[in-house]
Structure formats: C-alpha cells, structure tokens
Amino acid sequence: QMCAALMRDPEGNITNLRQLMGFTRDADQEVVKLATLSLSAVFVDIIPGYRIRLPTEKELQMKVSKQVAQQRKFETTLLQEYQRFLQFLEAAGRKHEDQALALSAAGQAQ
C-alpha cells in the first residue's frame, strides 16, 4: 500500500520512503529483501527525469511560494532517502562479500 501510494502521488506521500527504509533493518531477511525490491521499483518510478540537488543556504533563506516550498521538500526528502538507500545497498554488498570471502578461506583451509 505504501508503494502504491508513493507511485500514485509521490509528492504527497514522500514520507512513506522513510517507513519503507525502516523495513530494511528488519530481523527477517525476507522482509529486508521485499523492502529492497520495493524501494528499487519506487525509486525507478518517482525519480524525476531532470537533475535535482539540495538548495543552497542562500536559496533556503529566500521567500518562495508554497508550491516551490513543497517541491523543495519533496526533492530534499527524495535525495536524502535515495542516499540512505544507496548506503544500505553498499553495506549489504560489503557484508555479503565478506561472508563469501570467509567461506572461500574456510574452504581452502580444509
């Protein structure tokens, strides 16, 4: 439901990304796998085709319309959660690589 809501209205449901990221820390590995797949699909669908960046300090101090403020909030949250997702993937990759190396070393020792 969270993924469907995000895909239907990304700007209105952007906070669902944080909730989905929470599932990547679950003790049940099936939940982690499903969350990872879901997040991948969501990011592919909601990342805009244009380059986004965090606003500068000067831009943050400027008075902007409500629509621009909402757009900034969406883009900032999207960038932050995407960065967290990439860090999660990197850590998971390192963990699995370390496990594979340990198994390989154990197999060579026998």
N, C-alpha and C. Protein backbone atom coordinates (compact mmCIF):
# COMPACT_ATOMS: atom_id res chain seq x y z
N GLN A 1 0.82 -1.20 0.00
CA GLN A 1 0.00 0.00 0.00
C GLN A 1 0.86 1.26 0.00
N MET A 2 1.94 1.22 0.77
CA MET A 2 2.82 2.39 0.81
C MET A 2 3.44 2.66 -0.55
N CYS A 3 3.87 1.60 -1.22
CA CYS A 3 4.49 1.75 -2.54
C CYS A 3 3.47 2.28 -3.55
N ALA A 4 2.28 1.72 -3.53
CA ALA A 4 1.24 2.16 -4.45
C ALA A 4 0.91 3.63 -4.22
N ALA A 5 0.82 4.03 -2.96
CA ALA A 5 0.53 5.43 -2.64
C ALA A 5 1.66 6.34 -3.13
N LEU A 6 2.90 5.90 -2.95
CA LEU A 6 4.04 6.68 -3.42
C LEU A 6 4.03 6.84 -4.93
N MET A 7 3.71 5.79 -5.63
CA MET A 7 3.71 5.85 -7.09
C MET A 7 2.53 6.68 -7.61
N ARG A 8 1.43 6.63 -6.89
CA ARG A 8 0.24 7.39 -7.28
C ARG A 8 0.43 8.89 -7.06
N ASP A 9 1.02 9.24 -5.91
CA ASP A 9 1.22 10.66 -5.56
C ASP A 9 2.55 10.79 -4.81
N PRO A 10 3.67 10.83 -5.55
CA PRO A 10 4.98 10.88 -4.89
C PRO A 10 5.16 12.06 -3.95
N GLU A 11 4.73 13.24 -4.36
CA GLU A 11 4.93 14.42 -3.52
C GLU A 11 4.08 14.38 -2.25
N GLY A 12 2.90 13.84 -2.36
CA GLY A 12 2.01 13.79 -1.20
C GLY A 12 2.34 12.68 -0.23
N ASN A 13 3.05 11.66 -0.71
CA ASN A 13 3.33 10.50 0.13
C ASN A 13 4.83 10.24 0.29
N ILE A 14 5.65 11.26 0.11
CA ILE A 14 7.10 11.09 0.15
C ILE A 14 7.59 10.55 1.49
N THR A 15 6.86 10.81 2.57
CA THR A 15 7.28 10.31 3.88
C THR A 15 7.21 8.78 3.96
N ASN A 16 6.48 8.15 3.05
CA ASN A 16 6.44 6.69 3.03
C ASN A 16 7.81 6.09 2.73
N LEU A 17 8.69 6.85 2.08
CA LEU A 17 10.04 6.35 1.82
C LEU A 17 10.77 6.03 3.12
N ARG A 18 10.61 6.90 4.11
CA ARG A 18 11.27 6.67 5.40
C ARG A 18 10.74 5.39 6.05
N GLN A 19 9.44 5.18 5.95
CA GLN A 19 8.85 3.97 6.52
C GLN A 19 9.35 2.73 5.79
N LEU A 20 9.42 2.80 4.47
CA LEU A 20 9.93 1.66 3.70
C LEU A 20 11.39 1.38 4.05
N MET A 21 12.18 2.44 4.22
CA MET A 21 13.59 2.24 4.60
C MET A 21 13.70 1.54 5.95
N GLY A 22 12.74 1.78 6.82
CA GLY A 22 12.74 1.11 8.13
C GLY A 22 12.67 -0.40 8.00
N PHE A 23 11.99 -0.88 6.97
CA PHE A 23 11.88 -2.33 6.76
C PHE A 23 13.21 -2.96 6.36
N THR A 24 14.16 -2.17 5.89
CA THR A 24 15.47 -2.72 5.52
C THR A 24 16.29 -3.08 6.75
N ARG A 25 15.84 -2.68 7.93
CA ARG A 25 16.54 -3.01 9.17
C ARG A 25 15.83 -4.12 9.95
N ASP A 26 14.86 -4.77 9.33
CA ASP A 26 14.09 -5.82 9.98
C ASP A 26 14.98 -7.06 10.22
N ALA A 27 14.67 -7.81 11.25
CA ALA A 27 15.42 -9.03 11.54
C ALA A 27 15.12 -10.14 10.53
N ASP A 28 13.93 -10.14 9.97
CA ASP A 28 13.52 -11.14 8.99
C ASP A 28 14.09 -10.78 7.62
N GLN A 29 14.96 -11.63 7.10
CA GLN A 29 15.63 -11.35 5.82
C GLN A 29 14.66 -11.30 4.64
N GLU A 30 13.55 -11.99 4.72
CA GLU A 30 12.55 -11.91 3.65
C GLU A 30 11.94 -10.51 3.59
N VAL A 31 11.69 -9.93 4.76
CA VAL A 31 11.15 -8.57 4.82
C VAL A 31 12.18 -7.60 4.23
N VAL A 32 13.46 -7.79 4.56
CA VAL A 32 14.52 -6.93 4.04
C VAL A 32 14.59 -7.04 2.52
N LYS A 33 14.51 -8.26 1.99
CA LYS A 33 14.56 -8.46 0.54
C LYS A 33 13.37 -7.79 -0.15
N LEU A 34 12.18 -7.97 0.40
CA LEU A 34 11.00 -7.36 -0.20
C LEU A 34 11.06 -5.83 -0.13
N ALA A 35 11.56 -5.30 0.98
CA ALA A 35 11.70 -3.86 1.11
C ALA A 35 12.70 -3.32 0.09
N THR A 36 13.79 -4.04 -0.10
CA THR A 36 14.81 -3.62 -1.06
C THR A 36 14.25 -3.62 -2.48
N LEU A 37 13.55 -4.66 -2.84
CA LEU A 37 12.93 -4.72 -4.18
C LEU A 37 11.88 -3.63 -4.35
N SER A 38 11.08 -3.42 -3.33
CA SER A 38 10.05 -2.39 -3.39
C SER A 38 10.65 -1.00 -3.54
N LEU A 39 11.68 -0.72 -2.74
CA LEU A 39 12.33 0.58 -2.82
C LEU A 39 12.97 0.79 -4.19
N SER A 40 13.56 -0.24 -4.75
CA SER A 40 14.16 -0.13 -6.08
C SER A 40 13.10 0.26 -7.11
N ALA A 41 11.97 -0.41 -7.06
CA ALA A 41 10.89 -0.12 -8.01
C ALA A 41 10.34 1.29 -7.81
N VAL A 42 10.18 1.69 -6.56
CA VAL A 42 9.64 3.02 -6.27
C VAL A 42 10.60 4.10 -6.76
N PHE A 43 11.89 3.95 -6.46
CA PHE A 43 12.85 4.96 -6.90
C PHE A 43 12.89 5.07 -8.42
N VAL A 44 12.84 3.95 -9.11
CA VAL A 44 12.83 3.98 -10.58
C VAL A 44 11.63 4.77 -11.08
N ASP A 45 10.49 4.61 -10.43
CA ASP A 45 9.28 5.28 -10.87
C ASP A 45 9.19 6.76 -10.47
N ILE A 46 9.73 7.13 -9.32
CA ILE A 46 9.48 8.50 -8.85
C ILE A 46 10.65 9.46 -9.04
N ILE A 47 11.83 8.95 -9.33
CA ILE A 47 12.96 9.87 -9.55
C ILE A 47 12.69 10.64 -10.83
N PRO A 48 12.72 11.97 -10.75
CA PRO A 48 12.40 12.77 -11.94
C PRO A 48 13.47 12.65 -13.03
N GLY A 49 13.08 12.99 -14.23
CA GLY A 49 13.99 12.92 -15.36
C GLY A 49 14.95 14.09 -15.42
N TYR A 50 14.78 15.06 -14.53
CA TYR A 50 15.67 16.21 -14.50
C TYR A 50 16.60 16.11 -13.29
N ARG A 51 17.70 16.82 -13.34
CA ARG A 51 18.67 16.80 -12.27
C ARG A 51 18.12 17.55 -11.07
N ILE A 52 18.21 16.93 -9.89
CA ILE A 52 17.79 17.62 -8.67
C ILE A 52 18.99 17.75 -7.75
N ARG A 53 18.95 18.74 -6.90
CA ARG A 53 20.03 18.98 -5.95
C ARG A 53 19.43 19.63 -4.71
N LEU A 54 20.21 19.60 -3.65
CA LEU A 54 19.78 20.27 -2.43
C LEU A 54 19.91 21.78 -2.63
N PRO A 55 18.97 22.55 -2.09
CA PRO A 55 19.07 24.01 -2.21
C PRO A 55 20.25 24.55 -1.39
N THR A 56 20.83 25.63 -1.85
CA THR A 56 21.94 26.26 -1.12
C THR A 56 21.38 27.02 0.08
N GLU A 57 22.27 27.43 0.97
CA GLU A 57 21.85 28.21 2.14
C GLU A 57 21.15 29.50 1.70
N LYS A 58 21.70 30.12 0.67
CA LYS A 58 21.12 31.36 0.16
C LYS A 58 19.71 31.12 -0.37
N GLU A 59 19.53 30.01 -1.09
CA GLU A 59 18.21 29.67 -1.63
C GLU A 59 17.22 29.36 -0.52
N LEU A 60 17.70 28.73 0.54
CA LEU A 60 16.82 28.41 1.66
C LEU A 60 16.32 29.66 2.38
N GLN A 61 17.11 30.72 2.36
CA GLN A 61 16.74 31.95 3.04
C GLN A 61 15.75 32.78 2.22
N MET A 62 15.65 32.50 0.93
CA MET A 62 14.75 33.26 0.07
C MET A 62 13.30 32.88 0.34
N LYS A 63 12.42 33.85 0.23
CA LYS A 63 11.00 33.59 0.38
C LYS A 63 10.49 33.02 -0.95
N VAL A 64 9.79 31.88 -0.86
CA VAL A 64 9.29 31.22 -2.07
C VAL A 64 7.81 30.90 -1.92
N SER A 65 7.19 30.58 -3.03
CA SER A 65 5.77 30.24 -2.99
C SER A 65 5.58 28.88 -2.31
N LYS A 66 4.35 28.61 -1.94
CA LYS A 66 4.02 27.35 -1.28
C LYS A 66 4.36 26.17 -2.19
N GLN A 67 4.09 26.32 -3.48
CA GLN A 67 4.37 25.25 -4.44
C GLN A 67 5.87 24.97 -4.53
N VAL A 68 6.68 26.00 -4.57
CA VAL A 68 8.14 25.82 -4.63
C VAL A 68 8.63 25.19 -3.34
N ALA A 69 8.09 25.60 -2.21
CA ALA A 69 8.48 25.02 -0.92
C ALA A 69 8.15 23.53 -0.87
N GLN A 70 6.98 23.16 -1.38
CA GLN A 70 6.60 21.74 -1.42
C GLN A 70 7.52 20.96 -2.33
N GLN A 71 7.86 21.54 -3.47
CA GLN A 71 8.77 20.89 -4.42
C GLN A 71 10.15 20.69 -3.80
N ARG A 72 10.63 21.69 -3.09
CA ARG A 72 11.93 21.58 -2.41
C ARG A 72 11.90 20.49 -1.34
N LYS A 73 10.81 20.44 -0.59
CA LYS A 73 10.69 19.41 0.46
C LYS A 73 10.70 18.02 -0.17
N PHE A 74 9.95 17.85 -1.25
CA PHE A 74 9.91 16.57 -1.95
C PHE A 74 11.30 16.19 -2.45
N GLU A 75 11.96 17.11 -3.13
CA GLU A 75 13.27 16.80 -3.71
C GLU A 75 14.32 16.54 -2.63
N THR A 76 14.28 17.30 -1.55
CA THR A 76 15.22 17.10 -0.45
C THR A 76 15.02 15.74 0.19
N THR A 77 13.77 15.40 0.49
CA THR A 77 13.47 14.09 1.09
C THR A 77 13.85 12.97 0.14
N LEU A 78 13.54 13.12 -1.13
CA LEU A 78 13.89 12.11 -2.13
C LEU A 78 15.40 11.89 -2.18
N LEU A 79 16.17 12.97 -2.21
CA LEU A 79 17.63 12.84 -2.25
C LEU A 79 18.17 12.19 -0.98
N GLN A 80 17.66 12.58 0.17
CA GLN A 80 18.13 12.02 1.43
C GLN A 80 17.84 10.53 1.52
N GLU A 81 16.62 10.15 1.17
CA GLU A 81 16.25 8.74 1.26
C GLU A 81 16.96 7.90 0.20
N TYR A 82 17.19 8.46 -0.97
CA TYR A 82 17.92 7.74 -2.02
C TYR A 82 19.37 7.51 -1.57
N GLN A 83 19.96 8.52 -0.93
CA GLN A 83 21.32 8.37 -0.42
C GLN A 83 21.36 7.29 0.67
N ARG A 84 20.39 7.29 1.56
CA ARG A 84 20.33 6.24 2.60
C ARG A 84 20.18 4.86 1.97
N PHE A 85 19.37 4.78 0.91
CA PHE A 85 19.16 3.50 0.23
C PHE A 85 20.46 3.02 -0.42
N LEU A 86 21.18 3.92 -1.06
CA LEU A 86 22.46 3.55 -1.68
C LEU A 86 23.47 3.11 -0.63
N GLN A 87 23.49 3.78 0.52
CA GLN A 87 24.39 3.40 1.61
C GLN A 87 24.01 2.01 2.15
N PHE A 88 22.71 1.75 2.25
CA PHE A 88 22.25 0.43 2.68
C PHE A 88 22.72 -0.65 1.70
N LEU A 89 22.55 -0.39 0.40
CA LEU A 89 22.97 -1.36 -0.62
C LEU A 89 24.47 -1.60 -0.57
N GLU A 90 25.23 -0.54 -0.38
CA GLU A 90 26.68 -0.67 -0.30
C GLU A 90 27.08 -1.52 0.91
N ALA A 91 26.48 -1.25 2.05
CA ALA A 91 26.78 -2.01 3.27
C ALA A 91 26.37 -3.47 3.10
N ALA A 92 25.22 -3.71 2.50
CA ALA A 92 24.77 -5.08 2.28
C ALA A 92 25.71 -5.81 1.33
N GLY A 93 26.18 -5.13 0.32
CA GLY A 93 27.12 -5.73 -0.63
C GLY A 93 28.43 -6.09 0.05
N ARG A 94 28.93 -5.18 0.89
CA ARG A 94 30.17 -5.46 1.62
C ARG A 94 30.00 -6.65 2.55
N LYS A 95 28.86 -6.71 3.22
CA LYS A 95 28.59 -7.80 4.16
C LYS A 95 28.60 -9.14 3.43
N HIS A 96 27.92 -9.20 2.29
CA HIS A 96 27.87 -10.45 1.54
C HIS A 96 29.23 -10.80 0.94
N GLU A 97 29.99 -9.79 0.53
CA GLU A 97 31.32 -10.03 0.01
C GLU A 97 32.23 -10.60 1.09
N ASP A 98 32.14 -10.03 2.31
CA ASP A 98 32.94 -10.52 3.43
C ASP A 98 32.57 -11.95 3.77
N GLN A 99 31.26 -12.28 3.73
CA GLN A 99 30.82 -13.64 4.01
C GLN A 99 31.35 -14.61 2.96
N ALA A 100 31.33 -14.21 1.71
CA ALA A 100 31.81 -15.05 0.62
C ALA A 100 33.31 -15.28 0.76
N LEU A 101 34.06 -14.25 1.13
CA LEU A 101 35.50 -14.39 1.33
C LEU A 101 35.81 -15.32 2.48
N ALA A 102 35.02 -15.20 3.56
CA ALA A 102 35.21 -16.06 4.72
C ALA A 102 34.93 -17.52 4.37
N LEU A 103 33.88 -17.76 3.60
CA LEU A 103 33.58 -19.13 3.17
C LEU A 103 34.66 -19.67 2.26
N SER A 104 35.16 -18.85 1.39
CA SER A 104 36.22 -19.24 0.47
C SER A 104 37.49 -19.60 1.25
N ALA A 105 37.84 -18.78 2.22
CA ALA A 105 39.03 -19.02 3.04
C ALA A 105 38.86 -20.30 3.86
N ALA A 106 37.65 -20.52 4.37
CA ALA A 106 37.39 -21.73 5.16
C ALA A 106 37.49 -22.97 4.28
N GLY A 107 37.01 -22.87 3.04
CA GLY A 107 37.08 -23.99 2.11
C GLY A 107 38.50 -24.30 1.70
N GLN A 108 39.34 -23.31 1.57
CA GLN A 108 40.74 -23.51 1.20
C GLN A 108 41.54 -24.08 2.36
N ALA A 109 41.12 -23.77 3.59
CA ALA A 109 41.83 -24.26 4.77
C ALA A 109 41.61 -25.75 4.97
N GLN A 110 40.51 -26.27 4.45
CA GLN A 110 40.21 -27.69 4.65
C GLN A 110 40.90 -28.47 3.63
